[in-house]
Amino acid sequence: MSKNLICVTIFVVSSVVLPVTLTSAQTRTAANSAAATGSVKGRVFLITKDGDLKPARSPVVYLLYHGQAHYDPNAVDHFYQLASLDAYGKRLELNLFEDKDCQMALLDSSKILLDMEEWALDNKKPMQVLKTKGDIEGHFKITGVPRGNYRIVALGQAGANEAHWDKLDVVVKAGAPTLIDLERAAHACLIE
């Protein structure tokens, strides 16, 4: 009879201890996951020919995964580059005036970024395209960013210009913020 009592006691102890152990392991995993990520924050703005600083009002900011220590041909940035080059080639064939080419470049950028969001979802890589909206002064922050190399792209209006900013080699380290100022637009079109 004492053997049955011992078995029951062991069963009760193990069923109580096991869930506590799993909860502690889950807590450690969540803490390790948070420690393996960083953040990217900064500001989007233009500097005019006269030297005036014009903040991008509520820019849409994208972070596109490029790879770990080197270029990754399976990363979203590879497909972004291919799509951007293709769009540029098509614009060259059209032989547009400068203002129309600028406007087409902005439209192309918007479409390509939407396509990259769709690509990330279709390929089950949602962390390869991170997106946020900045404030009225152009400040933005993206948290929970896996460490690695990224391209940052922003779309918005700064002063009298609709613009597109693009910067490669944004390095995100675990547990640390990466500070980025986007001041040089790839395209800036005067709004008429």
Protein backbone atom coordinates (compact mmCIF):
# COMPACT_ATOMS: atom_id res chain seq x y z
CA MET A 1 0.00 0.00 0.00
CA SER A 2 2.84 2.38 0.66
CA LYS A 3 4.09 1.82 -2.94
CA ASN A 4 0.84 3.22 -4.33
CA LEU A 5 1.09 6.21 -2.08
CA ILE A 6 4.62 6.96 -3.27
CA CYS A 7 3.57 6.72 -6.94
CA VAL A 8 0.69 9.09 -6.41
CA THR A 9 2.91 11.56 -4.60
CA ILE A 10 5.50 11.55 -7.40
CA PHE A 11 2.79 12.03 -10.02
CA VAL A 12 1.33 15.01 -8.19
CA VAL A 13 4.75 16.62 -7.68
CA SER A 14 5.80 16.15 -11.33
CA SER A 15 2.55 17.57 -12.69
CA VAL A 16 2.93 20.66 -10.52
CA VAL A 17 6.64 21.22 -11.23
CA LEU A 18 6.46 20.67 -15.01
CA PRO A 19 4.15 23.61 -15.85
CA VAL A 20 6.28 25.95 -13.73
CA THR A 21 9.39 24.79 -15.61
CA LEU A 22 7.70 25.38 -18.98
CA THR A 23 6.61 28.84 -17.93
CA SER A 24 10.17 29.70 -16.87
CA ALA A 25 11.51 28.35 -20.19
CA GLN A 26 8.93 30.36 -22.09
CA THR A 27 9.94 33.46 -20.15
CA ARG A 28 13.63 32.86 -20.94
CA THR A 29 12.82 32.31 -24.63
CA ALA A 30 10.84 35.55 -24.79
CA ALA A 31 13.64 37.44 -23.02
CA ASN A 32 16.27 35.94 -25.37
CA SER A 33 14.10 36.80 -28.38
CA ALA A 34 13.75 40.42 -27.23
CA ALA A 35 17.50 40.57 -26.58
CA ALA A 36 18.15 39.29 -30.14
CA THR A 37 16.37 42.30 -31.61
CA GLY A 38 17.16 45.97 -31.85
CA SER A 39 15.40 49.09 -32.99
CA VAL A 40 15.79 51.71 -35.68
CA LYS A 41 14.84 55.29 -35.03
CA GLY A 42 15.53 58.58 -36.66
CA ARG A 43 14.16 61.40 -38.73
CA VAL A 44 13.27 61.98 -42.38
CA PHE A 45 13.83 65.45 -43.83
CA LEU A 46 15.15 67.42 -46.81
CA ILE A 47 17.72 70.16 -46.86
CA THR A 48 16.82 72.73 -49.52
CA LYS A 49 19.30 74.44 -51.85
CA ASP A 50 19.09 77.44 -49.51
CA GLY A 51 20.04 75.24 -46.54
CA ASP A 52 16.57 75.13 -44.96
CA LEU A 53 15.57 71.95 -43.17
CA LYS A 54 12.14 70.65 -44.22
CA PRO A 55 10.82 67.69 -42.18
CA ALA A 56 8.94 64.95 -43.97
CA ARG A 57 5.38 65.17 -42.70
CA SER A 58 4.19 61.75 -41.52
CA PRO A 59 6.50 59.72 -43.79
CA VAL A 60 5.91 56.03 -44.39
CA VAL A 61 9.16 54.26 -43.49
CA TYR A 62 10.10 50.76 -44.64
CA LEU A 63 12.93 48.58 -43.39
CA LEU A 64 13.89 45.93 -45.97
CA TYR A 65 16.04 42.98 -44.87
CA HIS A 66 19.35 42.76 -46.79
CA GLY A 67 21.13 39.87 -45.00
CA GLN A 68 23.26 39.15 -41.96
CA ALA A 69 26.92 40.02 -42.52
CA HIS A 70 26.63 39.96 -46.31
CA TYR A 71 24.20 40.20 -49.19
CA ASP A 72 21.51 37.49 -49.17
CA PRO A 73 19.98 36.70 -52.60
CA ASN A 74 16.90 35.28 -50.83
CA ALA A 75 16.27 38.49 -48.89
CA VAL A 76 13.57 40.99 -49.81
CA ASP A 77 16.17 43.67 -50.64
CA HIS A 78 17.41 41.56 -53.57
CA PHE A 79 13.93 41.59 -55.11
CA TYR A 80 13.52 45.31 -54.30
CA GLN A 81 16.72 46.08 -56.22
CA LEU A 82 15.66 44.00 -59.23
CA ALA A 83 12.22 45.64 -59.34
CA SER A 84 13.75 49.13 -58.98
CA LEU A 85 16.20 48.52 -61.83
CA ASP A 86 13.42 47.18 -64.03
CA ALA A 87 11.24 50.23 -63.34
CA TYR A 88 14.18 52.57 -64.03
CA GLY A 89 14.83 50.84 -67.36
CA LYS A 90 11.20 51.24 -68.38
CA ARG A 91 11.28 54.95 -67.49
CA LEU A 92 14.41 55.40 -69.62
CA GLU A 93 12.64 53.82 -72.59
CA LEU A 94 9.78 56.29 -72.21
CA ASN A 95 12.18 59.25 -72.51
CA LEU A 96 10.10 61.41 -70.14
CA PHE A 97 10.69 65.04 -69.24
CA GLU A 98 12.44 65.47 -65.90
CA ASP A 99 9.31 66.40 -63.90
CA LYS A 100 7.30 63.47 -65.29
CA ASP A 101 10.22 61.08 -64.74
CA CYS A 102 10.41 62.20 -61.11
CA GLN A 103 6.69 61.64 -60.58
CA MET A 104 6.90 58.21 -62.27
CA ALA A 105 9.86 57.30 -60.04
CA LEU A 106 7.79 58.10 -56.95
CA LEU A 107 4.86 56.04 -58.24
CA ASP A 108 7.22 53.18 -59.07
CA SER A 109 8.70 53.31 -55.55
CA SER A 110 5.26 53.15 -53.95
CA LYS A 111 4.20 50.21 -56.10
CA ILE A 112 7.47 48.32 -55.57
CA LEU A 113 7.24 48.71 -51.79
CA LEU A 114 3.67 47.38 -51.80
CA ASP A 115 4.88 44.48 -53.95
CA MET A 116 7.66 43.78 -51.43
CA GLU A 117 5.13 43.67 -48.59
CA GLU A 118 3.11 41.15 -50.59
CA TRP A 119 6.27 39.15 -51.41
CA ALA A 120 7.16 38.93 -47.70
CA LEU A 121 3.70 37.65 -46.80
CA ASP A 122 3.54 35.18 -49.72
CA ASN A 123 6.98 33.79 -48.82
CA LYS A 124 6.21 33.67 -45.08
CA LYS A 125 8.95 36.20 -44.30
CA PRO A 126 6.95 39.02 -42.68
CA MET A 127 9.95 40.21 -40.60
CA GLN A 128 11.84 41.04 -43.82
CA VAL A 129 9.59 44.06 -44.48
CA LEU A 130 8.93 46.25 -41.46
CA LYS A 131 6.88 49.41 -41.82
CA THR A 132 5.92 52.39 -39.69
CA LYS A 133 4.55 55.88 -40.07
CA GLY A 134 6.53 58.83 -38.79
CA ASP A 135 5.15 61.85 -36.98
CA ILE A 136 4.51 65.34 -38.38
CA GLU A 137 8.19 66.26 -37.78
CA GLY A 138 9.49 63.17 -39.62
CA HIS A 139 10.52 61.22 -36.49
CA PHE A 140 10.03 57.44 -36.65
CA LYS A 141 10.84 54.32 -34.64
CA ILE A 142 10.68 50.62 -35.50
CA THR A 143 11.15 48.18 -32.61
CA GLY A 144 11.59 44.41 -32.47
CA VAL A 145 13.90 44.44 -35.50
CA PRO A 146 15.91 41.20 -35.91
CA ARG A 147 19.64 41.90 -36.07
CA GLY A 148 21.13 42.13 -39.54
CA ASN A 149 21.69 44.51 -42.44
CA TYR A 150 18.81 46.48 -43.92
CA ARG A 151 17.85 49.07 -46.50
CA ILE A 152 15.65 51.87 -45.22
CA VAL A 153 13.19 53.53 -47.60
CA ALA A 154 10.84 56.40 -46.82
CA LEU A 155 8.07 58.10 -48.78
CA GLY A 156 6.58 61.43 -47.83
CA GLN A 157 6.18 65.15 -48.35
CA ALA A 158 8.85 67.59 -47.18
CA GLY A 159 8.18 71.26 -47.77
CA ALA A 160 6.81 71.63 -51.30
CA ASN A 161 8.31 68.31 -52.42
CA GLU A 162 6.97 64.80 -52.61
CA ALA A 163 10.02 62.61 -52.00
CA HIS A 164 11.53 59.15 -51.75
CA TRP A 165 14.53 58.43 -49.51
CA ASP A 166 16.63 55.28 -49.84
CA LYS A 167 19.64 54.26 -47.75
CA LEU A 168 21.47 50.92 -47.72
CA ASP A 169 23.75 49.45 -45.06
CA VAL A 170 21.65 50.07 -41.98
CA VAL A 171 23.12 47.68 -39.42
CA VAL A 172 20.83 46.59 -36.58
CA LYS A 173 22.50 45.09 -33.52
CA ALA A 174 20.74 43.20 -30.75
CA GLY A 175 19.71 45.25 -27.75
CA ALA A 176 20.76 48.59 -29.21
CA PRO A 177 19.00 51.35 -31.14
CA THR A 178 20.29 52.21 -34.61
CA LEU A 179 20.02 55.93 -35.30
CA ILE A 180 19.34 57.06 -38.88
CA ASP A 181 18.78 60.48 -40.37
CA LEU A 182 17.43 60.41 -43.92
CA GLU A 183 18.23 63.83 -45.35
CA ARG A 184 19.17 63.07 -48.96
CA ALA A 185 16.21 62.08 -51.09
CA ALA A 186 16.69 59.71 -54.02
CA HIS A 187 13.87 61.62 -55.74
CA ALA A 188 12.20 64.87 -54.75
CA CYS A 189 9.49 66.28 -57.01
CA LEU A 190 8.07 69.75 -56.63
CA ILE A 191 4.32 69.56 -55.98
CA GLU A 192 2.44 71.74 -58.40
